[in-house]
Structure formats: C-alpha cells, structure tokens
PDB file of N, CA and C in Angstrom:
ATOM      1  N   GLY A   1       8.242  10.998  -1.510  1.00  0.00           N
ATOM      2  CA  GLY A   1       8.634  12.076  -0.823  1.00  0.00           C
ATOM      3  C   GLY A   1       8.149  13.414  -1.404  1.00  0.00           C
ATOM      4  N   GLU A   2       7.307  13.282  -2.653  1.00  0.00           N
ATOM      5  CA  GLU A   2       6.809  14.383  -3.310  1.00  0.00           C
ATOM      6  C   GLU A   2       5.609  15.038  -2.900  1.00  0.00           C
ATOM      7  N   SER A   3       4.713  14.233  -2.415  1.00  0.00           N
ATOM      8  CA  SER A   3       3.359  14.658  -1.979  1.00  0.00           C
ATOM      9  C   SER A   3       3.204  14.460  -0.570  1.00  0.00           C
ATOM     10  N   VAL A   4       4.107  13.791   0.051  1.00  0.00           N
ATOM     11  CA  VAL A   4       4.300  13.465   1.412  1.00  0.00           C
ATOM     12  C   VAL A   4       5.446  13.580   2.027  1.00  0.00           C
ATOM     13  N   THR A   5       5.594  13.683   3.303  1.00  0.00           N
ATOM     14  CA  THR A   5       6.963  13.841   4.015  1.00  0.00           C
ATOM     15  C   THR A   5       7.897  12.583   3.620  1.00  0.00           C
ATOM     16  N   GLN A   6       9.134  12.980   3.280  1.00  0.00           N
ATOM     17  CA  GLN A   6       9.998  11.926   2.996  1.00  0.00           C
ATOM     18  C   GLN A   6      10.393  11.082   4.219  1.00  0.00           C
ATOM     19  N   ASP A   7      10.326   9.741   4.163  1.00  0.00           N
ATOM     20  CA  ASP A   7      10.650   9.028   5.215  1.00  0.00           C
ATOM     21  C   ASP A   7      11.358   7.765   4.941  1.00  0.00           C
ATOM     22  N   HIS A   8      12.754   7.777   5.026  1.00  0.00           N
ATOM     23  CA  HIS A   8      13.644   6.810   4.642  1.00  0.00           C
ATOM     24  C   HIS A   8      13.360   5.455   5.209  1.00  0.00           C
ATOM     25  N   LYS A   9      13.060   5.662   6.465  1.00  0.00           N
ATOM     26  CA  LYS A   9      12.793   4.457   7.372  1.00  0.00           C
ATOM     27  C   LYS A   9      11.649   3.628   6.736  1.00  0.00           C
ATOM     28  N   GLU A  10      10.439   4.375   6.571  1.00  0.00           N
ATOM     29  CA  GLU A  10       9.322   3.801   5.960  1.00  0.00           C
ATOM     30  C   GLU A  10       9.543   3.216   4.649  1.00  0.00           C
ATOM     31  N   ALA A  11      10.382   3.999   3.838  1.00  0.00           N
ATOM     32  CA  ALA A  11      10.721   3.553   2.493  1.00  0.00           C
ATOM     33  C   ALA A  11      11.426   2.237   2.575  1.00  0.00           C
ATOM     34  N   ALA A  12      12.457   2.155   3.409  1.00  0.00           N
ATOM     35  CA  ALA A  12      13.283   1.013   3.680  1.00  0.00           C
ATOM     36  C   ALA A  12      12.420  -0.273   3.964  1.00  0.00           C
ATOM     37  N   ARG A  13      11.399   0.023   4.851  1.00  0.00           N
ATOM     38  CA  ARG A  13      10.467  -1.059   5.271  1.00  0.00           C
ATOM     39  C   ARG A  13       9.799  -1.656   4.091  1.00  0.00           C
ATOM     40  N   TRP A  14       9.264  -0.807   3.130  1.00  0.00           N
ATOM     41  CA  TRP A  14       8.580  -1.342   2.043  1.00  0.00           C
ATOM     42  C   TRP A  14       9.617  -1.955   0.983  1.00  0.00           C
ATOM     43  N   PHE A  15      10.780  -1.316   0.820  1.00  0.00           N
ATOM     44  CA  PHE A  15      11.689  -1.855  -0.157  1.00  0.00           C
ATOM     45  C   PHE A  15      12.033  -3.202   0.291  1.00  0.00           C
ATOM     46  N   LYS A  16      12.282  -3.442   1.685  1.00  0.00           N
ATOM     47  CA  LYS A  16      12.647  -4.819   2.281  1.00  0.00           C
ATOM     48  C   LYS A  16      11.428  -5.882   2.030  1.00  0.00           C
ATOM     49  N   LEU A  17      10.269  -5.495   2.302  1.00  0.00           N
ATOM     50  CA  LEU A  17       9.119  -6.402   2.138  1.00  0.00           C
ATOM     51  C   LEU A  17       9.197  -6.854   0.573  1.00  0.00           C
ATOM     52  N   ALA A  18       9.229  -5.993  -0.258  1.00  0.00           N
ATOM     53  CA  ALA A  18       9.289  -6.229  -1.735  1.00  0.00           C
ATOM     54  C   ALA A  18      10.389  -6.977  -2.189  1.00  0.00           C
ATOM     55  N   ALA A  19      11.638  -6.657  -1.752  1.00  0.00           N
ATOM     56  CA  ALA A  19      12.823  -7.297  -2.002  1.00  0.00           C
ATOM     57  C   ALA A  19      12.879  -8.701  -1.486  1.00  0.00           C
ATOM     58  N   GLU A  20      12.294  -8.823  -0.401  1.00  0.00           N
ATOM     59  CA  GLU A  20      12.111 -10.259   0.138  1.00  0.00           C
ATOM     60  C   GLU A  20      11.337 -11.122  -0.689  1.00  0.00           C
ATOM     61  N   GLN A  21      10.497 -10.617  -1.585  1.00  0.00           N
ATOM     62  CA  GLN A  21       9.577 -11.357  -2.460  1.00  0.00           C
ATOM     63  C   GLN A  21      10.204 -11.477  -3.733  1.00  0.00           C
ATOM     64  N   GLY A  22      11.395 -11.054  -3.959  1.00  0.00           N
ATOM     65  CA  GLY A  22      12.079 -11.335  -5.231  1.00  0.00           C
ATOM     66  C   GLY A  22      11.971 -10.003  -6.208  1.00  0.00           C
ATOM     67  N   ILE A  23      11.740  -9.028  -5.729  1.00  0.00           N
ATOM     68  CA  ILE A  23      11.469  -7.857  -6.788  1.00  0.00           C
ATOM     69  C   ILE A  23      12.702  -7.107  -6.933  1.00  0.00           C
ATOM     70  N   GLY A  24      13.539  -7.228  -8.022  1.00  0.00           N
ATOM     71  CA  GLY A  24      14.814  -6.746  -8.087  1.00  0.00           C
ATOM     72  C   GLY A  24      15.004  -5.239  -8.013  1.00  0.00           C
ATOM     73  N   ALA A  25      14.131  -4.461  -8.410  1.00  0.00           N
ATOM     74  CA  ALA A  25      14.337  -3.066  -8.289  1.00  0.00           C
ATOM     75  C   ALA A  25      14.184  -2.490  -6.808  1.00  0.00           C
ATOM     76  N   ALA A  26      13.378  -3.403  -5.910  1.00  0.00           N
ATOM     77  CA  ALA A  26      13.317  -2.973  -4.480  1.00  0.00           C
ATOM     78  C   ALA A  26      14.649  -3.519  -3.738  1.00  0.00           C
ATOM     79  N   ALA A  27      15.281  -4.591  -4.380  1.00  0.00           N
ATOM     80  CA  ALA A  27      16.531  -4.986  -3.859  1.00  0.00           C
ATOM     81  C   ALA A  27      17.591  -4.018  -4.053  1.00  0.00           C
ATOM     82  N   ALA A  28      17.670  -3.457  -5.115  1.00  0.00           N
ATOM     83  CA  ALA A  28      18.512  -2.420  -5.539  1.00  0.00           C
ATOM     84  C   ALA A  28      18.385  -1.048  -4.650  1.00  0.00           C
ATOM     85  N   ALA A  29      17.000  -0.695  -4.419  1.00  0.00           N
ATOM     86  CA  ALA A  29      16.765   0.417  -3.578  1.00  0.00           C
ATOM     87  C   ALA A  29      17.158   0.108  -2.087  1.00  0.00           C
ATOM     88  N   LEU A  30      16.897  -1.084  -1.757  1.00  0.00           N
ATOM     89  CA  LEU A  30      17.234  -1.454  -0.326  1.00  0.00           C
ATOM     90  C   LEU A  30      18.753  -1.448  -0.132  1.00  0.00           C
ATOM     91  N   ALA A  31      19.487  -1.885  -1.268  1.00  0.00           N
ATOM     92  CA  ALA A  31      21.068  -1.906  -1.089  1.00  0.00           C
ATOM     93  C   ALA A  31      21.535  -0.398  -0.892  1.00  0.00           C
ATOM     94  N   ARG A  32      20.935   0.409  -1.525  1.00  0.00           N
ATOM     95  CA  ARG A  32      21.287   1.816  -1.398  1.00  0.00           C
ATOM     96  C   ARG A  32      20.996   2.385   0.105  1.00  0.00           C
ATOM     97  N   GLU A  33      19.640   1.884   0.570  1.00  0.00           N
ATOM     98  CA  GLU A  33      19.416   2.345   1.909  1.00  0.00           C
ATOM     99  C   GLU A  33      20.418   1.793   2.916  1.00  0.00           C
ATOM    100  N   TYR A  34      20.853   0.478   2.828  1.00  0.00           N
ATOM    101  CA  TYR A  34      21.763  -0.024   3.708  1.00  0.00           C
ATOM    102  C   TYR A  34      23.071   0.665   3.498  1.00  0.00           C
ATOM    103  N   ALA A  35      23.517   0.969   2.172  1.00  0.00           N
ATOM    104  CA  ALA A  35      24.820   1.543   1.955  1.00  0.00           C
ATOM    105  C   ALA A  35      25.006   3.066   2.407  1.00  0.00           C
ATOM    106  N   THR A  36      23.851   3.742   2.521  1.00  0.00           N
ATOM    107  CA  THR A  36      23.977   5.132   2.951  1.00  0.00           C
ATOM    108  C   THR A  36      23.521   5.267   4.491  1.00  0.00           C
ATOM    109  N   GLY A  37      22.827   4.339   4.973  1.00  0.00           N
ATOM    110  CA  GLY A  37      22.482   4.293   6.490  1.00  0.00           C
ATOM    111  C   GLY A  37      21.247   5.161   6.622  1.00  0.00           C
ATOM    112  N   GLU A  38      20.479   5.644   5.536  1.00  0.00           N
ATOM    113  CA  GLU A  38      19.348   6.540   5.564  1.00  0.00           C
ATOM    114  C   GLU A  38      18.029   5.997   6.137  1.00  0.00           C
ATOM    115  N   GLY A  39      17.741   4.656   5.697  1.00  0.00           N
ATOM    116  CA  GLY A  39      16.470   4.108   6.103  1.00  0.00           C
ATOM    117  C   GLY A  39      16.804   2.894   7.096  1.00  0.00           C
ATOM    118  N   GLU A  40      17.936   2.328   6.868  1.00  0.00           N
ATOM    119  CA  GLU A  40      18.350   1.181   7.701  1.00  0.00           C
ATOM    120  C   GLU A  40      19.711   1.628   8.286  1.00  0.00           C
ATOM    121  N   PRO A  41      20.053   1.073   9.493  1.00  0.00           N
ATOM    122  CA  PRO A  41      21.254   1.230   9.984  1.00  0.00           C
ATOM    123  C   PRO A  41      22.507   0.907   8.963  1.00  0.00           C
ATOM    124  N   GLN A  42      23.493   1.646   8.725  1.00  0.00           N
ATOM    125  CA  GLN A  42      24.513   1.356   7.784  1.00  0.00           C
ATOM    126  C   GLN A  42      24.940  -0.074   7.961  1.00  0.00           C
ATOM    127  N   ASP A  43      24.922  -0.792   6.875  1.00  0.00           N
ATOM    128  CA  ASP A  43      25.526  -2.121   6.887  1.00  0.00           C
ATOM    129  C   ASP A  43      26.035  -2.510   5.530  1.00  0.00           C
ATOM    130  N   LEU A  44      27.374  -2.323   5.327  1.00  0.00           N
ATOM    131  CA  LEU A  44      27.894  -2.637   3.981  1.00  0.00           C
ATOM    132  C   LEU A  44      27.679  -3.944   3.384  1.00  0.00           C
ATOM    133  N   VAL A  45      27.837  -4.913   4.223  1.00  0.00           N
ATOM    134  CA  VAL A  45      27.730  -6.211   4.000  1.00  0.00           C
ATOM    135  C   VAL A  45      26.273  -6.530   3.451  1.00  0.00           C
ATOM    136  N   GLU A  46      25.321  -6.146   4.166  1.00  0.00           N
ATOM    137  CA  GLU A  46      23.909  -6.250   3.782  1.00  0.00           C
ATOM    138  C   GLU A  46      23.689  -5.510   2.505  1.00  0.00           C
ATOM    139  N   ALA A  47      24.264  -4.327   2.382  1.00  0.00           N
ATOM    140  CA  ALA A  47      24.003  -3.585   1.041  1.00  0.00           C
ATOM    141  C   ALA A  47      24.557  -4.357   0.028  1.00  0.00           C
ATOM    142  N   PHE A  48      25.824  -5.051   0.165  1.00  0.00           N
ATOM    143  CA  PHE A  48      26.238  -5.789  -0.949  1.00  0.00           C
ATOM    144  C   PHE A  48      25.341  -6.923  -1.308  1.00  0.00           C
ATOM    145  N   LYS A  49      25.034  -7.539  -0.392  1.00  0.00           N
ATOM    146  CA  LYS A  49      24.041  -8.750  -0.512  1.00  0.00           C
ATOM    147  C   LYS A  49      22.909  -8.259  -1.394  1.00  0.00           C
ATOM    148  N   TRP A  50      22.138  -7.207  -1.033  1.00  0.00           N
ATOM    149  CA  TRP A  50      20.899  -6.801  -1.762  1.00  0.00           C
ATOM    150  C   TRP A  50      21.319  -6.351  -3.150  1.00  0.00           C
ATOM    151  N   ALA A  51      22.489  -5.637  -3.270  1.00  0.00           N
ATOM    152  CA  ALA A  51      22.939  -5.337  -4.667  1.00  0.00           C
ATOM    153  C   ALA A  51      23.135  -6.438  -5.514  1.00  0.00           C
ATOM    154  N   ALA A  52      23.795  -7.407  -4.958  1.00  0.00           N
ATOM    155  CA  ALA A  52      24.088  -8.649  -5.798  1.00  0.00           C
ATOM    156  C   ALA A  52      22.822  -9.397  -6.195  1.00  0.00           C
ATOM    157  N   ILE A  53      21.859  -9.470  -5.219  1.00  0.00           N
ATOM    158  CA  ILE A  53      20.470 -10.019  -5.605  1.00  0.00           C
ATOM    159  C   ILE A  53      19.811  -9.176  -6.753  1.00  0.00           C
ATOM    160  N   ALA A  54      19.952  -7.890  -6.578  1.00  0.00           N
ATOM    161  CA  ALA A  54      19.297  -7.069  -7.568  1.00  0.00           C
ATOM    162  C   ALA A  54      19.872  -7.278  -8.999  1.00  0.00           C
ATOM    163  N   THR A  55      21.125  -7.475  -9.086  1.00  0.00           N
ATOM    164  CA  THR A  55      21.782  -7.733 -10.403  1.00  0.00           C
ATOM    165  C   THR A  55      21.328  -9.101 -11.082  1.00  0.00           C
ATOM    166  N   LYS A  56      20.721 -10.007 -10.214  1.00  0.00           N
ATOM    167  CA  LYS A  56      20.211 -11.339 -10.671  1.00  0.00           C
ATOM    168  C   LYS A  56      18.915 -11.316 -10.909  1.00  0.00           C
ATOM    169  N   GLN A  57      18.058 -10.287 -10.437  1.00  0.00           N
ATOM    170  CA  GLN A  57      16.688 -10.293 -10.532  1.00  0.00           C
ATOM    171  C   GLN A  57      16.160  -9.265 -11.622  1.00  0.00           C
ATOM    172  N   THR A  58      16.882  -8.226 -11.909  1.00  0.00           N
ATOM    173  CA  THR A  58      16.482  -7.322 -12.976  1.00  0.00           C
ATOM    174  C   THR A  58      17.589  -6.850 -13.865  1.00  0.00           C
ATOM    175  N   ASP A  59      17.476  -5.765 -14.490  1.00  0.00           N
ATOM    176  CA  ASP A  59      18.502  -5.217 -15.290  1.00  0.00           C
ATOM    177  C   ASP A  59      19.861  -5.325 -14.467  1.00  0.00           C
ATOM    178  N   PRO A  60      20.908  -6.113 -15.049  1.00  0.00           N
ATOM    179  CA  PRO A  60      22.146  -6.261 -14.210  1.00  0.00           C
ATOM    180  C   PRO A  60      22.870  -5.092 -13.897  1.00  0.00           C
ATOM    181  N   ASN A  61      22.451  -3.914 -14.536  1.00  0.00           N
ATOM    182  CA  ASN A  61      23.222  -2.692 -14.084  1.00  0.00           C
ATOM    183  C   ASN A  61      22.582  -2.138 -12.850  1.00  0.00           C
ATOM    184  N   SER A  62      21.437  -2.687 -12.490  1.00  0.00           N
ATOM    185  CA  SER A  62      20.654  -1.905 -11.378  1.00  0.00           C
ATOM    186  C   SER A  62      21.498  -1.843  -9.977  1.00  0.00           C
ATOM    187  N   GLY A  63      22.312  -2.936  -9.768  1.00  0.00           N
ATOM    188  CA  GLY A  63      23.034  -2.968  -8.509  1.00  0.00           C
ATOM    189  C   GLY A  63      24.551  -2.795  -8.712  1.00  0.00           C
ATOM    190  N   ASP A  64      25.039  -2.905 -10.124  1.00  0.00           N
ATOM    191  CA  ASP A  64      26.458  -2.914 -10.295  1.00  0.00           C
ATOM    192  C   ASP A  64      27.159  -1.768  -9.627  1.00  0.00           C
ATOM    193  N   ALA A  65      26.716  -0.429  -9.727  1.00  0.00           N
ATOM    194  CA  ALA A  65      27.374   0.637  -9.237  1.00  0.00           C
ATOM    195  C   ALA A  65      27.701   0.442  -7.658  1.00  0.00           C
ATOM    196  N   VAL A  66      26.603  -0.090  -7.035  1.00  0.00           N
ATOM    197  CA  VAL A  66      26.646  -0.130  -5.610  1.00  0.00           C
ATOM    198  C   VAL A  66      27.657  -1.366  -5.198  1.00  0.00           C
ATOM    199  N   LEU A  67      27.690  -2.417  -6.120  1.00  0.00           N
ATOM    200  CA  LEU A  67      28.668  -3.522  -5.884  1.00  0.00           C
ATOM    201  C   LEU A  67      30.100  -2.987  -6.071  1.00  0.00           C
ATOM    202  N   ARG A  68      30.390  -2.279  -7.151  1.00  0.00           N
ATOM    203  CA  ARG A  68      31.749  -1.838  -7.389  1.00  0.00           C
ATOM    204  C   ARG A  68      32.079  -0.837  -6.282  1.00  0.00           C
ATOM    205  N   ASP A  69      31.250  -0.127  -5.752  1.00  0.00           N
ATOM    206  CA  ASP A  69      31.661   0.891  -4.604  1.00  0.00           C
ATOM    207  C   ASP A  69      31.934   0.110  -3.309  1.00  0.00           C
ATOM    208  N   LEU A  70      31.161  -0.863  -3.119  1.00  0.00           N
ATOM    209  CA  LEU A  70      31.240  -1.486  -1.851  1.00  0.00           C
ATOM    210  C   LEU A  70      32.431  -2.514  -1.883  1.00  0.00           C
ATOM    211  N   GLU A  71      32.758  -3.151  -2.984  1.00  0.00           N
ATOM    212  CA  GLU A  71      33.904  -4.143  -3.086  1.00  0.00           C
ATOM    213  C   GLU A  71      35.214  -3.438  -2.518  1.00  0.00           C
ATOM    214  N   ASP A  72      35.300  -2.176  -2.631  1.00  0.00           N
ATOM    215  CA  ASP A  72      36.553  -1.455  -2.254  1.00  0.00           C
ATOM    216  C   ASP A  72      36.557  -1.163  -0.801  1.00  0.00           C
ATOM    217  N   LYS A  73      35.284  -1.216  -0.229  1.00  0.00           N
ATOM    218  CA  LYS A  73      35.102  -0.946   1.224  1.00  0.00           C
ATOM    219  C   LYS A  73      35.098  -2.105   2.343  1.00  0.00           C
ATOM    220  N   LEU A  74      34.883  -3.288   1.530  1.00  0.00           N
ATOM    221  CA  LEU A  74      34.750  -4.447   2.391  1.00  0.00           C
ATOM    222  C   LEU A  74      35.884  -5.320   2.391  1.00  0.00           C
ATOM    223  N   THR A  75      36.252  -5.895   3.623  1.00  0.00           N
ATOM    224  CA  THR A  75      37.354  -6.839   3.738  1.00  0.00           C
ATOM    225  C   THR A  75      37.045  -8.104   2.964  1.00  0.00           C
ATOM    226  N   PRO A  76      38.006  -8.911   2.771  1.00  0.00           N
ATOM    227  CA  PRO A  76      37.831  -9.942   1.915  1.00  0.00           C
ATOM    228  C   PRO A  76      36.775 -11.069   2.629  1.00  0.00           C
ATOM    229  N   ASP A  77      36.912 -11.177   3.823  1.00  0.00           N
ATOM    230  CA  ASP A  77      35.918 -11.779   4.739  1.00  0.00           C
ATOM    231  C   ASP A  77      34.442 -11.414   4.683  1.00  0.00           C
ATOM    232  N   GLN A  78      34.383 -10.005   4.572  1.00  0.00           N
ATOM    233  CA  GLN A  78      32.901  -9.361   4.403  1.00  0.00           C
ATOM    234  C   GLN A  78      32.487  -9.645   3.122  1.00  0.00           C
ATOM    235  N   LEU A  79      33.495  -9.559   2.061  1.00  0.00           N
ATOM    236  CA  LEU A  79      32.873  -9.824   0.841  1.00  0.00           C
ATOM    237  C   LEU A  79      32.469 -11.287   0.880  1.00  0.00           C
ATOM    238  N   ALA A  80      33.182 -12.111   1.178  1.00  0.00           N
ATOM    239  CA  ALA A  80      32.745 -13.700   1.069  1.00  0.00           C
ATOM    240  C   ALA A  80      31.473 -13.915   1.945  1.00  0.00           C
ATOM    241  N   ASP A  81      31.106 -13.121   3.102  1.00  0.00           N
ATOM    242  CA  ASP A  81      29.924 -13.267   3.794  1.00  0.00           C
ATOM    243  C   ASP A  81      28.812 -12.723   3.005  1.00  0.00           C
ATOM    244  N   ALA A  82      28.934 -11.529   2.399  1.00  0.00           N
ATOM    245  CA  ALA A  82      28.028 -10.845   1.530  1.00  0.00           C
ATOM    246  C   ALA A  82      27.632 -11.659   0.407  1.00  0.00           C
ATOM    247  N   ARG A  83      28.568 -12.255  -0.217  1.00  0.00           N
ATOM    248  CA  ARG A  83      28.326 -13.114  -1.461  1.00  0.00           C
ATOM    249  C   ARG A  83      27.610 -14.479  -1.039  1.00  0.00           C
ATOM    250  N   ARG A  84      27.958 -14.984   0.116  1.00  0.00           N
ATOM    251  CA  ARG A  84      27.231 -16.250   0.649  1.00  0.00           C
ATOM    252  C   ARG A  84      25.909 -15.862   0.990  1.00  0.00           C
ATOM    253  N   ARG A  85      25.508 -14.761   1.558  1.00  0.00           N
ATOM    254  CA  ARG A  85      24.163 -14.278   1.928  1.00  0.00           C
ATOM    255  C   ARG A  85      23.356 -14.184   0.683  1.00  0.00           C
ATOM    256  N   ALA A  86      23.964 -13.518  -0.350  1.00  0.00           N
ATOM    257  CA  ALA A  86      23.185 -13.483  -1.736  1.00  0.00           C
ATOM    258  C   ALA A  86      22.968 -14.687  -2.273  1.00  0.00           C
ATOM    259  N   GLN A  87      23.866 -15.631  -2.202  1.00  0.00           N
ATOM    260  CA  GLN A  87      23.656 -17.037  -2.809  1.00  0.00           C
ATOM    261  C   GLN A  87      22.506 -17.833  -2.187  1.00  0.00           C
ATOM    262  N   GLU A  88      22.325 -17.591  -0.938  1.00  0.00           N
ATOM    263  CA  GLU A  88      21.467 -18.322  -0.062  1.00  0.00           C
ATOM    264  C   GLU A  88      20.053 -17.708  -0.079  1.00  0.00           C
ATOM    265  N   PHE A  89      20.044 -16.489  -0.621  1.00  0.00           N
ATOM    266  CA  PHE A  89      18.658 -15.805  -0.701  1.00  0.00           C
ATOM    267  C   PHE A  89      17.577 -16.611  -1.501  1.00  0.00           C
ATOM    268  N   VAL A  90      16.365 -16.783  -0.849  1.00  0.00           N
ATOM    269  CA  VAL A  90      15.335 -17.421  -1.572  1.00  0.00           C
ATOM    270  C   VAL A  90      14.205 -16.476  -1.398  1.00  0.00           C
ATOM    271  N   PRO A  91      13.432 -15.962  -2.314  1.00  0.00           N
ATOM    272  CA  PRO A  91      12.313 -15.147  -2.257  1.00  0.00           C
ATOM    273  C   PRO A  91      11.229 -15.777  -1.463  1.00  0.00           C
ATOM    274  N   LYS A  92      10.531 -14.923  -0.649  1.00  0.00           N
ATOM    275  CA  LYS A  92       9.388 -15.547   0.065  1.00  0.00           C
ATOM    276  C   LYS A  92       8.241 -15.531  -0.730  1.00  0.00           C
ATOM    277  N   ARG A  93       7.401 -16.578  -0.611  1.00  0.00           N
ATOM    278  CA  ARG A  93       6.108 -16.443  -1.289  1.00  0.00           C
ATOM    279  C   ARG A  93       5.056 -15.854  -0.442  1.00  0.00           C
ATOM    280  N   THR A  94       4.270 -15.013  -1.109  1.00  0.00           N
ATOM    281  CA  THR A  94       3.267 -14.397  -0.362  1.00  0.00           C
ATOM    282  C   THR A  94       1.767 -14.670  -0.954  1.00  0.00           C
ATOM    283  N   GLY A  95       1.703 -15.186  -2.055  1.00  0.00           N
ATOM    284  CA  GLY A  95       0.521 -15.606  -2.744  1.00  0.00           C
ATOM    285  C   GLY A  95       0.259 -17.080  -2.666  1.00  0.00           C
ATOM    286  N   PRO A  96      -1.015 -17.448  -3.219  1.00  0.00           N
ATOM    287  CA  PRO A  96      -1.178 -18.770  -3.218  1.00  0.00           C
ATOM    288  C   PRO A  96      -0.237 -19.674  -4.048  1.00  0.00           C
ATOM    289  N   ALA A  97      -0.221 -21.001  -3.644  1.00  0.00           N
ATOM    290  CA  ALA A  97       0.728 -21.909  -4.281  1.00  0.00           C
ATOM    291  C   ALA A  97       0.273 -22.017  -5.707  1.00  0.00           C
ATOM    292  N   ASP A  98       1.185 -22.407  -6.780  1.00  0.00           N
ATOM    293  CA  ASP A  98       0.820 -22.395  -8.116  1.00  0.00           C
ATOM    294  C   ASP A  98       0.000 -23.733  -8.132  1.00  0.00           C
ATOM    295  N   PRO A  99      -0.938 -23.961  -9.109  1.00  0.00           N
ATOM    296  CA  PRO A  99      -1.655 -25.087  -9.212  1.00  0.00           C
ATOM    297  C   PRO A  99      -0.593 -26.360  -9.756  1.00  0.00           C
TER     298      PRO A  99
END
C-alpha cells in the first residue's frame, strides 16, 4: 500500500496462496485478515486456524497474539473446530516433485 492503492482483498488473496503452500508469515498475515474482516469476510475460526498454522511454521510468536485474542472470543466448539482444521492442514505442492 505504499506505492500503490492499498487493497486488503487482493492482499488476502496473495496471503492465502502463500499460506496454502506452507509459508508461515503468510499464514500469520492471513489470520489477521480473517480476524479483522478487512481482506476476507470476518471468520474467527478460520483466523484461529491460520494463526495456529503460523506458529508451527515460523517464529512461534508470529501467531501467538492472534491466538490469545481469539481464544477468548470463540466457544469451546469453535476452538475445537479451529484446532482440528489446523491439525488437518497439509501445504499444497506447487513445484516439481523432489527427485
């Protein structure tokens, strides 16, 4: 948004593409987009999922603040669903298979 018009929806699209490939920093950014509803429709369960994935893929602190904030906002059933989604996450391969 510094040299171009800020576009949260487009940013969320790119964050999601990168996060789905296992890039932790993108997962943390996508979690914030879902938590705030700026680039994606607000979905706190999905935000928790991506924040949990981010803590496993990069610096553990990258998603911790979002996780702590969301734990207080989600019901126990929503938390269980979000944790299940995070555990089931498998990054998509986009390049050639390893030899």
